Amino acid sequence: MTQSNIPKKPRIRLSPEARKAMILDQAAKLVASEGVSAVSMERLGKEAGISKGLVYSYYQSVTVLLQELLTREYRHLRNLQFKAAESAGTLEQLVRRVTNVYLSYIHERGLLIERLAMDPTIANSGDPTLYDRNSAVDYIAEIFSDNFGIDMEIARQTVDISYGIPAAAGQYINHHDADPELIEDITVTMILGSLEAVQKKYKTSLKRLGKRKSGEDNLTQTS
C-alpha cells in the first residue's frame, strides 16, 4: 500500500469549551515548567497542535489567556474547599478537611498559581467574587458565629486572619523540603488554637457591652 493510499485518521472536532480548556492546559504546563515569560500564542498553538490564529480567536492576548487560567485555578480550588467544608460534622473536621484540600492543591499546582499571581497584570483582573477567599471566609465565619455565639463581625475577622495560616503553610511547602502531613497538622493546630482563643476571650472581654440608657434619657421618658 502506497503512502497516498494510507487512510488518514479523522480529525476530532472539539467544542469551543473543550478547545479553550486544552489551550489553558497547555499554558498551565508552560507556566509551571518554564514561567510566565515562556507563554506565547505561537508556542501555545504549536503545543496544542493548532494554529496561532485559532488561539487568537479564543483569546485576544496572552495576558487575557493567563488571567482566565488563574481564575480557573482559584475557582476550582474554592469549589473543592466548599465541598470539603460541607462534608464536615465538627469544627475540627471542617478546619482539617478544608486545610487538607488547600495544601494538597498547592502541593500539586502551587508553583503555577504562584507564578501567575506574582504578575500584577494577571492577578489584578476579573470579578474577585468569583474566586477569591471572601465567600469562603463568610461561609466558615457564619458557622463559627452560629455555633459558638460569637458576633459575626468578630467571627469574620477571626476567620479572615486565620485564613492566612494555610496560605503561609502552602508557601512553606513550595519552598522547603518539608513533610506535608506534618505541616498540615501544624496548620490545623494553629487555626483551631486561634479560634478557641478568640471564643474564650469573647466570653470575658471581647463581647460588646449592652448600652444602658443615660440618666438624661430616663428623665426625659418619665417627665
N, C-alpha and C. Protein backbone atom coordinates (compact mmCIF):
# COMPACT_ATOMS: atom_id res chain seq x y z
N MET A 1 0.85 -1.19 0.00
CA MET A 1 0.00 0.00 0.00
C MET A 1 0.88 1.23 0.00
N THR A 2 0.65 2.07 -0.98
CA THR A 2 1.44 3.30 -1.07
C THR A 2 1.02 4.27 0.01
N GLN A 3 1.92 5.25 0.24
CA GLN A 3 1.67 6.22 1.30
C GLN A 3 0.39 7.03 1.03
N SER A 4 0.14 7.26 -0.29
CA SER A 4 -1.04 8.06 -0.64
C SER A 4 -2.33 7.31 -0.37
N ASN A 5 -2.21 5.95 -0.31
CA ASN A 5 -3.42 5.14 -0.08
C ASN A 5 -3.70 4.88 1.40
N ILE A 6 -2.76 5.28 2.26
CA ILE A 6 -2.96 5.07 3.69
C ILE A 6 -4.09 5.97 4.17
N PRO A 7 -5.13 5.40 4.75
CA PRO A 7 -6.26 6.24 5.19
C PRO A 7 -5.83 7.19 6.30
N LYS A 8 -6.26 8.42 6.18
CA LYS A 8 -5.94 9.42 7.19
C LYS A 8 -6.88 9.28 8.38
N LYS A 9 -6.33 9.52 9.56
CA LYS A 9 -7.15 9.47 10.76
C LYS A 9 -8.11 10.66 10.75
N PRO A 10 -9.36 10.41 11.04
CA PRO A 10 -10.32 11.52 11.06
C PRO A 10 -9.98 12.51 12.17
N ARG A 11 -10.06 13.79 11.85
CA ARG A 11 -9.78 14.82 12.84
C ARG A 11 -10.97 14.95 13.79
N ILE A 12 -10.66 15.01 15.05
CA ILE A 12 -11.71 15.14 16.06
C ILE A 12 -12.06 16.61 16.22
N ARG A 13 -13.32 16.94 16.03
CA ARG A 13 -13.75 18.33 16.15
C ARG A 13 -14.15 18.59 17.60
N LEU A 14 -13.42 19.47 18.24
CA LEU A 14 -13.69 19.79 19.64
C LEU A 14 -14.66 20.95 19.75
N SER A 15 -15.42 20.95 20.82
CA SER A 15 -16.30 22.08 21.08
C SER A 15 -15.44 23.28 21.49
N PRO A 16 -15.97 24.50 21.36
CA PRO A 16 -15.19 25.68 21.79
C PRO A 16 -14.74 25.58 23.24
N GLU A 17 -15.60 25.05 24.11
CA GLU A 17 -15.23 24.93 25.53
C GLU A 17 -14.07 23.96 25.72
N ALA A 18 -14.13 22.83 25.01
CA ALA A 18 -13.05 21.84 25.11
C ALA A 18 -11.76 22.38 24.52
N ARG A 19 -11.86 23.13 23.43
CA ARG A 19 -10.68 23.71 22.80
C ARG A 19 -10.02 24.73 23.73
N LYS A 20 -10.84 25.57 24.37
CA LYS A 20 -10.31 26.57 25.30
C LYS A 20 -9.65 25.89 26.49
N ALA A 21 -10.26 24.83 26.99
CA ALA A 21 -9.68 24.10 28.12
C ALA A 21 -8.33 23.50 27.73
N MET A 22 -8.24 22.98 26.52
CA MET A 22 -6.99 22.40 26.05
C MET A 22 -5.89 23.47 25.96
N ILE A 23 -6.25 24.65 25.46
CA ILE A 23 -5.27 25.74 25.37
C ILE A 23 -4.81 26.15 26.76
N LEU A 24 -5.75 26.26 27.69
CA LEU A 24 -5.39 26.63 29.07
C LEU A 24 -4.51 25.57 29.71
N ASP A 25 -4.80 24.30 29.43
CA ASP A 25 -3.98 23.21 29.97
C ASP A 25 -2.54 23.32 29.47
N GLN A 26 -2.38 23.63 28.21
CA GLN A 26 -1.03 23.78 27.66
C GLN A 26 -0.33 24.99 28.28
N ALA A 27 -1.07 26.07 28.47
CA ALA A 27 -0.49 27.24 29.11
C ALA A 27 -0.06 26.93 30.54
N ALA A 28 -0.86 26.15 31.24
CA ALA A 28 -0.53 25.79 32.63
C ALA A 28 0.78 25.00 32.68
N LYS A 29 0.95 24.08 31.73
CA LYS A 29 2.18 23.28 31.69
C LYS A 29 3.40 24.18 31.45
N LEU A 30 3.27 25.13 30.55
CA LEU A 30 4.38 26.03 30.24
C LEU A 30 4.74 26.91 31.43
N VAL A 31 3.72 27.48 32.07
CA VAL A 31 3.97 28.37 33.21
C VAL A 31 4.62 27.59 34.35
N ALA A 32 4.11 26.39 34.63
CA ALA A 32 4.64 25.60 35.73
C ALA A 32 6.08 25.15 35.48
N SER A 33 6.40 24.86 34.23
CA SER A 33 7.74 24.33 33.93
C SER A 33 8.76 25.41 33.60
N GLU A 34 8.30 26.50 32.94
CA GLU A 34 9.27 27.50 32.47
C GLU A 34 8.97 28.93 32.90
N GLY A 35 7.77 29.18 33.39
CA GLY A 35 7.43 30.53 33.83
C GLY A 35 6.51 31.25 32.85
N VAL A 36 5.97 32.37 33.30
CA VAL A 36 5.01 33.14 32.51
C VAL A 36 5.61 33.61 31.19
N SER A 37 6.87 33.98 31.21
CA SER A 37 7.50 34.53 30.00
C SER A 37 7.61 33.52 28.86
N ALA A 38 7.46 32.23 29.18
CA ALA A 38 7.58 31.20 28.15
C ALA A 38 6.32 31.09 27.29
N VAL A 39 5.24 31.73 27.74
CA VAL A 39 3.95 31.59 27.05
C VAL A 39 3.84 32.60 25.92
N SER A 40 3.57 32.10 24.73
CA SER A 40 3.27 32.95 23.57
C SER A 40 2.17 32.28 22.77
N MET A 41 1.47 33.05 21.98
CA MET A 41 0.39 32.48 21.18
C MET A 41 0.92 31.45 20.19
N GLU A 42 2.07 31.76 19.60
CA GLU A 42 2.66 30.84 18.63
C GLU A 42 3.04 29.52 19.28
N ARG A 43 3.66 29.60 20.46
CA ARG A 43 4.08 28.36 21.12
C ARG A 43 2.87 27.57 21.63
N LEU A 44 1.86 28.26 22.12
CA LEU A 44 0.65 27.57 22.57
C LEU A 44 0.00 26.82 21.41
N GLY A 45 -0.06 27.48 20.26
CA GLY A 45 -0.63 26.81 19.10
C GLY A 45 0.15 25.56 18.72
N LYS A 46 1.47 25.68 18.77
CA LYS A 46 2.33 24.54 18.43
C LYS A 46 2.14 23.40 19.42
N GLU A 47 2.11 23.73 20.71
CA GLU A 47 1.97 22.71 21.74
C GLU A 47 0.59 22.04 21.67
N ALA A 48 -0.43 22.83 21.33
CA ALA A 48 -1.79 22.30 21.27
C ALA A 48 -2.12 21.68 19.92
N GLY A 49 -1.21 21.83 18.93
CA GLY A 49 -1.45 21.26 17.61
C GLY A 49 -2.47 22.02 16.80
N ILE A 50 -2.55 23.35 17.05
CA ILE A 50 -3.48 24.20 16.30
C ILE A 50 -2.72 25.43 15.83
N SER A 51 -3.37 26.24 15.02
CA SER A 51 -2.72 27.44 14.51
C SER A 51 -2.73 28.56 15.53
N LYS A 52 -1.78 29.46 15.39
CA LYS A 52 -1.73 30.64 16.25
C LYS A 52 -3.00 31.46 16.10
N GLY A 53 -3.51 31.53 14.86
CA GLY A 53 -4.73 32.28 14.61
C GLY A 53 -5.93 31.73 15.37
N LEU A 54 -5.97 30.41 15.53
CA LEU A 54 -7.07 29.80 16.27
C LEU A 54 -6.98 30.14 17.75
N VAL A 55 -5.76 30.20 18.27
CA VAL A 55 -5.59 30.60 19.66
C VAL A 55 -6.11 32.03 19.85
N TYR A 56 -5.77 32.91 18.90
CA TYR A 56 -6.23 34.29 18.97
C TYR A 56 -7.75 34.41 18.85
N SER A 57 -8.38 33.45 18.19
CA SER A 57 -9.84 33.50 18.06
C SER A 57 -10.54 33.27 19.39
N TYR A 58 -9.82 32.65 20.34
CA TYR A 58 -10.39 32.42 21.67
C TYR A 58 -9.91 33.45 22.69
N TYR A 59 -8.68 33.91 22.53
CA TYR A 59 -8.09 34.85 23.49
C TYR A 59 -7.40 35.97 22.73
N GLN A 60 -7.73 37.21 23.07
CA GLN A 60 -7.19 38.34 22.33
C GLN A 60 -5.73 38.62 22.64
N SER A 61 -5.24 38.09 23.76
CA SER A 61 -3.83 38.31 24.13
C SER A 61 -3.40 37.24 25.12
N VAL A 62 -2.09 37.14 25.31
CA VAL A 62 -1.54 36.21 26.30
C VAL A 62 -2.01 36.59 27.70
N THR A 63 -2.06 37.89 27.98
CA THR A 63 -2.49 38.35 29.31
C THR A 63 -3.90 37.91 29.63
N VAL A 64 -4.80 38.10 28.69
CA VAL A 64 -6.19 37.68 28.89
C VAL A 64 -6.27 36.17 29.11
N LEU A 65 -5.49 35.43 28.34
CA LEU A 65 -5.47 33.97 28.47
C LEU A 65 -5.00 33.55 29.86
N LEU A 66 -3.92 34.17 30.34
CA LEU A 66 -3.38 33.80 31.65
C LEU A 66 -4.27 34.27 32.79
N GLN A 67 -4.98 35.38 32.58
CA GLN A 67 -5.95 35.81 33.57
C GLN A 67 -7.05 34.77 33.75
N GLU A 68 -7.51 34.22 32.64
CA GLU A 68 -8.55 33.19 32.71
C GLU A 68 -8.00 31.91 33.34
N LEU A 69 -6.74 31.61 33.08
CA LEU A 69 -6.12 30.43 33.68
C LEU A 69 -6.07 30.57 35.20
N LEU A 70 -5.65 31.73 35.69
CA LEU A 70 -5.58 31.93 37.14
C LEU A 70 -6.97 31.88 37.76
N THR A 71 -7.95 32.49 37.10
CA THR A 71 -9.33 32.45 37.59
C THR A 71 -9.81 31.01 37.68
N ARG A 72 -9.49 30.22 36.66
CA ARG A 72 -9.90 28.81 36.67
C ARG A 72 -9.29 28.06 37.85
N GLU A 73 -8.02 28.33 38.12
CA GLU A 73 -7.35 27.65 39.23
C GLU A 73 -7.98 28.01 40.56
N TYR A 74 -8.20 29.30 40.79
CA TYR A 74 -8.80 29.75 42.04
C TYR A 74 -10.21 29.20 42.21
N ARG A 75 -11.00 29.26 41.13
CA ARG A 75 -12.38 28.80 41.22
C ARG A 75 -12.43 27.31 41.56
N HIS A 76 -11.57 26.54 40.91
CA HIS A 76 -11.55 25.09 41.17
C HIS A 76 -11.14 24.81 42.61
N LEU A 77 -10.15 25.54 43.11
CA LEU A 77 -9.71 25.35 44.49
C LEU A 77 -10.83 25.68 45.47
N ARG A 78 -11.52 26.82 45.25
CA ARG A 78 -12.60 27.21 46.16
C ARG A 78 -13.73 26.19 46.14
N ASN A 79 -14.06 25.66 44.97
CA ASN A 79 -15.11 24.65 44.89
C ASN A 79 -14.75 23.40 45.68
N LEU A 80 -13.51 22.99 45.59
CA LEU A 80 -13.05 21.83 46.36
C LEU A 80 -13.14 22.11 47.86
N GLN A 81 -12.78 23.32 48.27
CA GLN A 81 -12.84 23.68 49.68
C GLN A 81 -14.27 23.70 50.20
N PHE A 82 -15.19 24.22 49.40
CA PHE A 82 -16.59 24.26 49.82
C PHE A 82 -17.14 22.84 49.99
N LYS A 83 -16.82 21.96 49.07
CA LYS A 83 -17.28 20.58 49.18
C LYS A 83 -16.72 19.93 50.44
N ALA A 84 -15.46 20.20 50.73
CA ALA A 84 -14.84 19.65 51.93
C ALA A 84 -15.51 20.18 53.18
N ALA A 85 -15.81 21.46 53.19
CA ALA A 85 -16.45 22.09 54.36
C ALA A 85 -17.84 21.53 54.59
N GLU A 86 -18.58 21.33 53.50
CA GLU A 86 -19.95 20.84 53.63
C GLU A 86 -20.02 19.41 54.15
N SER A 87 -18.94 18.64 54.00
CA SER A 87 -18.94 17.26 54.45
C SER A 87 -18.53 17.12 55.92
N ALA A 88 -18.15 18.23 56.55
CA ALA A 88 -17.65 18.19 57.93
C ALA A 88 -18.80 18.21 58.93
N GLY A 89 -18.62 17.48 60.04
CA GLY A 89 -19.63 17.45 61.10
C GLY A 89 -19.25 18.23 62.32
N THR A 90 -17.96 18.55 62.47
CA THR A 90 -17.48 19.33 63.61
C THR A 90 -16.57 20.44 63.10
N LEU A 91 -16.30 21.40 63.97
CA LEU A 91 -15.39 22.48 63.59
C LEU A 91 -14.01 21.94 63.27
N GLU A 92 -13.55 20.98 64.06
CA GLU A 92 -12.22 20.41 63.80
C GLU A 92 -12.17 19.71 62.45
N GLN A 93 -13.25 18.96 62.12
CA GLN A 93 -13.30 18.30 60.82
C GLN A 93 -13.30 19.33 59.69
N LEU A 94 -14.04 20.41 59.88
CA LEU A 94 -14.12 21.46 58.86
C LEU A 94 -12.74 22.04 58.60
N VAL A 95 -12.05 22.42 59.67
CA VAL A 95 -10.72 23.02 59.52
C VAL A 95 -9.76 22.02 58.90
N ARG A 96 -9.82 20.78 59.36
CA ARG A 96 -8.91 19.74 58.85
C ARG A 96 -9.14 19.48 57.37
N ARG A 97 -10.38 19.35 56.96
CA ARG A 97 -10.68 18.99 55.57
C ARG A 97 -10.40 20.14 54.61
N VAL A 98 -10.78 21.35 55.02
CA VAL A 98 -10.51 22.50 54.16
C VAL A 98 -9.00 22.72 54.02
N THR A 99 -8.27 22.57 55.12
CA THR A 99 -6.83 22.73 55.10
C THR A 99 -6.16 21.66 54.23
N ASN A 100 -6.63 20.43 54.36
CA ASN A 100 -6.07 19.34 53.57
C ASN A 100 -6.26 19.57 52.07
N VAL A 101 -7.46 20.01 51.70
CA VAL A 101 -7.73 20.29 50.29
C VAL A 101 -6.81 21.39 49.79
N TYR A 102 -6.69 22.45 50.58
CA TYR A 102 -5.87 23.59 50.15
C TYR A 102 -4.41 23.19 49.99
N LEU A 103 -3.85 22.54 51.00
CA LEU A 103 -2.43 22.20 50.95
C LEU A 103 -2.13 21.15 49.88
N SER A 104 -3.06 20.22 49.68
CA SER A 104 -2.87 19.22 48.63
C SER A 104 -2.86 19.88 47.25
N TYR A 105 -3.77 20.83 47.07
CA TYR A 105 -3.85 21.53 45.79
C TYR A 105 -2.60 22.37 45.55
N ILE A 106 -2.17 23.07 46.60
CA ILE A 106 -0.98 23.91 46.48
C ILE A 106 0.26 23.05 46.25
N HIS A 107 0.32 21.90 46.89
CA HIS A 107 1.45 21.00 46.70
C HIS A 107 1.54 20.55 45.25
N GLU A 108 0.39 20.38 44.61
CA GLU A 108 0.35 19.91 43.23
C GLU A 108 0.48 21.04 42.22
N ARG A 109 -0.20 22.17 42.47
CA ARG A 109 -0.27 23.25 41.48
C ARG A 109 0.14 24.61 42.03
N GLY A 110 0.80 24.59 43.18
CA GLY A 110 1.17 25.85 43.82
C GLY A 110 2.14 26.70 43.03
N LEU A 111 3.09 26.07 42.36
CA LEU A 111 4.07 26.82 41.58
C LEU A 111 3.38 27.56 40.43
N LEU A 112 2.41 26.90 39.81
CA LEU A 112 1.65 27.53 38.74
C LEU A 112 0.90 28.76 39.26
N ILE A 113 0.16 28.59 40.36
CA ILE A 113 -0.61 29.70 40.92
C ILE A 113 0.31 30.82 41.37
N GLU A 114 1.41 30.48 42.00
CA GLU A 114 2.34 31.49 42.49
C GLU A 114 2.90 32.33 41.35
N ARG A 115 3.31 31.68 40.28
CA ARG A 115 3.89 32.41 39.15
C ARG A 115 2.86 33.31 38.47
N LEU A 116 1.62 32.84 38.37
CA LEU A 116 0.58 33.67 37.78
C LEU A 116 0.23 34.85 38.70
N ALA A 117 0.11 34.57 39.99
CA ALA A 117 -0.31 35.60 40.95
C ALA A 117 0.76 36.67 41.16
N MET A 118 2.01 36.35 40.88
CA MET A 118 3.08 37.32 41.07
C MET A 118 3.11 38.38 39.98
N ASP A 119 2.44 38.13 38.87
CA ASP A 119 2.38 39.10 37.79
C ASP A 119 1.16 39.98 38.00
N PRO A 120 1.34 41.28 38.30
CA PRO A 120 0.19 42.14 38.61
C PRO A 120 -0.80 42.29 37.47
N THR A 121 -0.33 42.21 36.23
CA THR A 121 -1.25 42.33 35.10
C THR A 121 -2.17 41.12 34.99
N ILE A 122 -1.75 40.01 35.57
CA ILE A 122 -2.55 38.79 35.55
C ILE A 122 -3.42 38.69 36.79
N ALA A 123 -2.84 39.00 37.95
CA ALA A 123 -3.55 38.80 39.22
C ALA A 123 -4.66 39.82 39.44
N ASN A 124 -4.47 41.07 39.02
CA ASN A 124 -5.45 42.12 39.29
C ASN A 124 -6.45 42.24 38.15
N SER A 125 -7.27 41.23 38.01
CA SER A 125 -8.23 41.23 36.90
C SER A 125 -9.46 40.45 37.28
N GLY A 126 -10.53 40.69 36.55
CA GLY A 126 -11.73 39.90 36.70
C GLY A 126 -12.55 40.27 37.93
N ASP A 127 -13.65 39.56 38.10
CA ASP A 127 -14.54 39.76 39.23
C ASP A 127 -14.03 38.92 40.40
N PRO A 128 -13.50 39.54 41.45
CA PRO A 128 -12.90 38.75 42.53
C PRO A 128 -13.90 37.89 43.28
N THR A 129 -15.19 38.23 43.25
CA THR A 129 -16.17 37.44 43.97
C THR A 129 -16.32 36.05 43.38
N LEU A 130 -15.82 35.85 42.17
CA LEU A 130 -15.93 34.54 41.55
C LEU A 130 -14.98 33.53 42.18
N TYR A 131 -13.86 33.99 42.68
CA TYR A 131 -12.87 33.01 43.11
C TYR A 131 -12.05 33.39 44.34
N ASP A 132 -12.23 34.61 44.88
CA ASP A 132 -11.36 34.96 45.99
C ASP A 132 -11.83 34.31 47.28
N ARG A 133 -11.17 34.60 48.37
CA ARG A 133 -11.45 33.88 49.61
C ARG A 133 -12.59 34.48 50.41
N ASN A 134 -13.15 35.63 49.98
CA ASN A 134 -14.19 36.29 50.77
C ASN A 134 -15.40 35.40 51.02
N SER A 135 -15.88 34.75 49.97
CA SER A 135 -17.06 33.89 50.13
C SER A 135 -16.76 32.71 51.04
N ALA A 136 -15.54 32.15 50.94
CA ALA A 136 -15.16 31.04 51.81
C ALA A 136 -15.05 31.49 53.26
N VAL A 137 -14.49 32.68 53.47
CA VAL A 137 -14.38 33.23 54.82
C VAL A 137 -15.76 33.44 55.42
N ASP A 138 -16.67 34.03 54.64
CA ASP A 138 -18.03 34.27 55.14
C ASP A 138 -18.71 32.96 55.52
N TYR A 139 -18.52 31.94 54.72
CA TYR A 139 -19.15 30.64 54.96
C TYR A 139 -18.69 30.06 56.31
N ILE A 140 -17.38 30.05 56.54
CA ILE A 140 -16.85 29.49 57.79
C ILE A 140 -17.18 30.40 58.96
N ALA A 141 -17.14 31.70 58.75
CA ALA A 141 -17.44 32.65 59.83
C ALA A 141 -18.88 32.48 60.32
N GLU A 142 -19.81 32.23 59.41
CA GLU A 142 -21.21 32.02 59.80
C GLU A 142 -21.34 30.78 60.68
N ILE A 143 -20.62 29.72 60.32
CA ILE A 143 -20.64 28.50 61.14
C ILE A 143 -20.05 28.79 62.52
N PHE A 144 -18.93 29.49 62.55
CA PHE A 144 -18.26 29.84 63.80
C PHE A 144 -19.16 30.70 64.67
N SER A 145 -19.82 31.67 64.05
CA SER A 145 -20.70 32.58 64.78
C SER A 145 -21.93 31.87 65.31
N ASP A 146 -22.60 31.08 64.46
CA ASP A 146 -23.85 30.43 64.84
C ASP A 146 -23.64 29.38 65.93
N ASN A 147 -22.55 28.63 65.85
CA ASN A 147 -22.34 27.51 66.77
C ASN A 147 -21.69 27.90 68.09
N PHE A 148 -21.03 29.05 68.10
CA PHE A 148 -20.32 29.43 69.32
C PHE A 148 -20.74 30.78 69.87
N GLY A 149 -21.85 31.30 69.34
CA GLY A 149 -22.43 32.52 69.90
C GLY A 149 -21.53 33.73 69.84
N ILE A 150 -20.78 33.86 68.75
CA ILE A 150 -19.84 34.97 68.61
C ILE A 150 -20.39 35.95 67.57
N ASP A 151 -20.27 37.23 67.86
CA ASP A 151 -20.71 38.26 66.94
C ASP A 151 -20.11 38.00 65.55
N MET A 152 -20.93 38.14 64.51
CA MET A 152 -20.50 37.82 63.14
C MET A 152 -19.31 38.67 62.72
N GLU A 153 -19.26 39.91 63.11
CA GLU A 153 -18.15 40.77 62.72
C GLU A 153 -16.83 40.24 63.27
N ILE A 154 -16.85 39.84 64.55
CA ILE A 154 -15.64 39.29 65.16
C ILE A 154 -15.31 37.92 64.57
N ALA A 155 -16.34 37.12 64.32
CA ALA A 155 -16.12 35.80 63.72
C ALA A 155 -15.46 35.93 62.36
N ARG A 156 -15.94 36.88 61.56
CA ARG A 156 -15.38 37.05 60.22
C ARG A 156 -13.94 37.53 60.29
N GLN A 157 -13.66 38.49 61.17
CA GLN A 157 -12.29 38.99 61.31
C GLN A 157 -11.35 37.87 61.74
N THR A 158 -11.83 37.04 62.68
CA THR A 158 -11.01 35.93 63.17
C THR A 158 -10.70 34.93 62.07
N VAL A 159 -11.74 34.53 61.33
CA VAL A 159 -11.56 33.55 60.27
C VAL A 159 -10.70 34.13 59.14
N ASP A 160 -10.92 35.40 58.82
CA ASP A 160 -10.16 36.03 57.73
C ASP A 160 -8.67 36.04 58.06
N ILE A 161 -8.34 36.38 59.30
CA ILE A 161 -6.94 36.39 59.71
C ILE A 161 -6.38 34.96 59.75
N SER A 162 -7.18 34.04 60.29
CA SER A 162 -6.73 32.64 60.37
C SER A 162 -6.54 32.03 58.99
N TYR A 163 -7.29 32.56 58.01
CA TYR A 163 -7.20 32.03 56.65
C TYR A 163 -5.81 32.24 56.05
N GLY A 164 -5.06 33.17 56.60
CA GLY A 164 -3.71 33.40 56.11
C GLY A 164 -2.74 32.30 56.52
N ILE A 165 -3.11 31.51 57.53
CA ILE A 165 -2.20 30.46 58.00
C ILE A 165 -2.00 29.36 56.94
N PRO A 166 -3.07 28.83 56.31
CA PRO A 166 -2.85 27.84 55.25
C PRO A 166 -2.06 28.41 54.07
N ALA A 167 -2.29 29.69 53.76
CA ALA A 167 -1.53 30.30 52.66
C ALA A 167 -0.04 30.31 52.98
N ALA A 168 0.29 30.66 54.22
CA ALA A 168 1.69 30.66 54.63
C ALA A 168 2.25 29.24 54.63
N ALA A 169 1.42 28.28 55.05
CA ALA A 169 1.86 26.88 55.05
C ALA A 169 2.10 26.39 53.63
N GLY A 170 1.22 26.80 52.71
CA GLY A 170 1.41 26.42 51.31
C GLY A 170 2.70 26.97 50.74
N GLN A 171 3.00 28.22 51.06
CA GLN A 171 4.26 28.82 50.63
C GLN A 171 5.45 28.04 51.21
N TYR A 172 5.31 27.65 52.45
CA TYR A 172 6.41 26.91 53.10
C TYR A 172 6.66 25.57 52.40
N ILE A 173 5.56 24.86 52.08
CA ILE A 173 5.69 23.58 51.41
C ILE A 173 6.34 23.74 50.03
N ASN A 174 5.97 24.83 49.33
CA ASN A 174 6.50 25.05 47.99
C ASN A 174 8.00 25.32 47.99
N HIS A 175 8.50 25.91 49.06
CA HIS A 175 9.89 26.37 49.06
C HIS A 175 10.79 25.63 50.06
N HIS A 176 10.26 24.62 50.72
CA HIS A 176 11.07 23.86 51.67
C HIS A 176 10.81 22.37 51.48
N ASP A 177 11.80 21.58 51.82
CA ASP A 177 11.65 20.14 51.78
C ASP A 177 11.04 19.69 53.10
N ALA A 178 9.71 19.83 53.19
CA ALA A 178 9.02 19.56 54.44
C ALA A 178 7.99 18.45 54.24
N ASP A 179 7.65 17.77 55.33
CA ASP A 179 6.65 16.72 55.31
C ASP A 179 5.27 17.37 55.24
N PRO A 180 4.52 17.19 54.14
CA PRO A 180 3.21 17.83 54.00
C PRO A 180 2.24 17.48 55.13
N GLU A 181 2.27 16.23 55.61
CA GLU A 181 1.36 15.82 56.68
C GLU A 181 1.69 16.55 57.97
N LEU A 182 2.97 16.74 58.24
CA LEU A 182 3.37 17.46 59.45
C LEU A 182 2.96 18.92 59.35
N ILE A 183 3.17 19.52 58.20
CA ILE A 183 2.78 20.92 58.01
C ILE A 183 1.27 21.07 58.13
N GLU A 184 0.52 20.09 57.63
CA GLU A 184 -0.94 20.13 57.77
C GLU A 184 -1.34 20.08 59.24
N ASP A 185 -0.72 19.18 60.00
CA ASP A 185 -1.03 19.09 61.43
C ASP A 185 -0.73 20.40 62.16
N ILE A 186 0.41 20.99 61.86
CA ILE A 186 0.78 22.26 62.49
C ILE A 186 -0.23 23.34 62.11
N THR A 187 -0.62 23.38 60.85
CA THR A 187 -1.55 24.40 60.37
C THR A 187 -2.91 24.27 61.04
N VAL A 188 -3.44 23.04 61.10
CA VAL A 188 -4.74 22.81 61.74
C VAL A 188 -4.69 23.18 63.21
N THR A 189 -3.61 22.82 63.88
CA THR A 189 -3.46 23.15 65.30
C THR A 189 -3.45 24.66 65.52
N MET A 190 -2.75 25.38 64.66
CA MET A 190 -2.68 26.84 64.79
C MET A 190 -4.04 27.49 64.54
N ILE A 191 -4.77 27.00 63.53
CA ILE A 191 -6.08 27.58 63.23
C ILE A 191 -7.06 27.30 64.37
N LEU A 192 -7.14 26.06 64.82
CA LEU A 192 -8.06 25.72 65.90
C LEU A 192 -7.69 26.46 67.18
N GLY A 193 -6.38 26.60 67.41
CA GLY A 193 -5.94 27.32 68.59
C GLY A 193 -6.38 28.77 68.56
N SER A 194 -6.29 29.39 67.41
CA SER A 194 -6.69 30.80 67.30
C SER A 194 -8.20 30.95 67.47
N LEU A 195 -8.98 30.03 66.89
CA LEU A 195 -10.43 30.10 67.03
C LEU A 195 -10.87 29.88 68.47
N GLU A 196 -10.25 28.89 69.12
CA GLU A 196 -10.59 28.59 70.52
C GLU A 196 -10.21 29.75 71.44
N ALA A 197 -9.08 30.37 71.15
CA ALA A 197 -8.63 31.50 71.97
C ALA A 197 -9.60 32.68 71.85
N VAL A 198 -10.04 32.96 70.64
CA VAL A 198 -11.00 34.06 70.44
C VAL A 198 -12.32 33.74 71.10
N GLN A 199 -12.77 32.48 70.98
CA GLN A 199 -14.03 32.09 71.62
C GLN A 199 -13.96 32.31 73.13
N LYS A 200 -12.86 31.90 73.75
CA LYS A 200 -12.68 32.07 75.19
C LYS A 200 -12.59 33.54 75.57
N LYS A 201 -11.86 34.30 74.78
CA LYS A 201 -11.71 35.73 75.03
C LYS A 201 -13.04 36.46 74.86
N TYR A 202 -13.85 36.01 73.91
CA TYR A 202 -15.13 36.66 73.62
C TYR A 202 -16.06 36.58 74.83
N LYS A 203 -16.00 35.45 75.55
CA LYS A 203 -16.87 35.27 76.71
C LYS A 203 -16.54 36.25 77.84
N THR A 204 -15.30 36.71 77.88
CA THR A 204 -14.87 37.55 79.02
C THR A 204 -14.67 39.01 78.68
N SER A 205 -14.16 39.33 77.48
CA SER A 205 -13.80 40.73 77.25
C SER A 205 -14.05 41.26 75.85
N LEU A 206 -14.27 40.39 74.87
CA LEU A 206 -14.48 40.89 73.50
C LEU A 206 -15.94 41.17 73.18
N LYS A 207 -16.86 40.58 73.94
CA LYS A 207 -18.28 40.77 73.67
C LYS A 207 -18.67 42.21 73.94
N ARG A 208 -19.44 42.76 73.01
CA ARG A 208 -19.84 44.16 73.16
C ARG A 208 -20.78 44.32 74.35
N LEU A 209 -20.58 45.40 75.08
CA LEU A 209 -21.43 45.69 76.24
C LEU A 209 -22.78 46.21 75.77
N GLY A 210 -23.84 45.79 76.47
CA GLY A 210 -25.15 46.34 76.17
C GLY A 210 -25.22 47.78 76.65
N LYS A 211 -25.72 48.64 75.83
CA LYS A 211 -25.81 50.06 76.17
C LYS A 211 -27.00 50.32 77.09
N ARG A 212 -26.75 50.93 78.22
CA ARG A 212 -27.82 51.32 79.13
C ARG A 212 -28.24 52.75 78.82
N LYS A 213 -29.49 53.06 79.08
CA LYS A 213 -29.96 54.42 78.85
C LYS A 213 -29.32 55.36 79.84
N SER A 214 -28.95 56.53 79.38
CA SER A 214 -28.34 57.51 80.27
C SER A 214 -29.39 58.08 81.21
N GLY A 215 -28.93 58.71 82.29
CA GLY A 215 -29.83 59.32 83.25
C GLY A 215 -30.70 60.38 82.62
N GLU A 216 -30.14 61.12 81.67
CA GLU A 216 -30.89 62.17 80.99
C GLU A 216 -32.04 61.57 80.17
N ASP A 217 -31.76 60.41 79.53
CA ASP A 217 -32.81 59.75 78.75
C ASP A 217 -33.94 59.27 79.64
N ASN A 218 -33.58 58.74 80.84
CA ASN A 218 -34.58 58.27 81.77
C ASN A 218 -35.48 59.40 82.25
N LEU A 219 -34.86 60.56 82.53
CA LEU A 219 -35.63 61.72 82.97
C LEU A 219 -36.59 62.18 81.90
N THR A 220 -36.11 62.13 80.64
CA THR A 220 -36.94 62.58 79.53
C THR A 220 -38.17 61.68 79.39
N GLN A 221 -37.96 60.38 79.57
CA GLN A 221 -39.08 59.45 79.40
C GLN A 221 -40.10 59.54 80.53
N THR A 222 -39.67 59.92 81.75
CA THR A 222 -40.57 59.95 82.91
C THR A 222 -41.22 61.30 83.11
N SER A 223 -40.72 62.34 82.40
CA SER A 223 -41.29 63.67 82.60
C SER A 223 -42.57 63.87 81.78
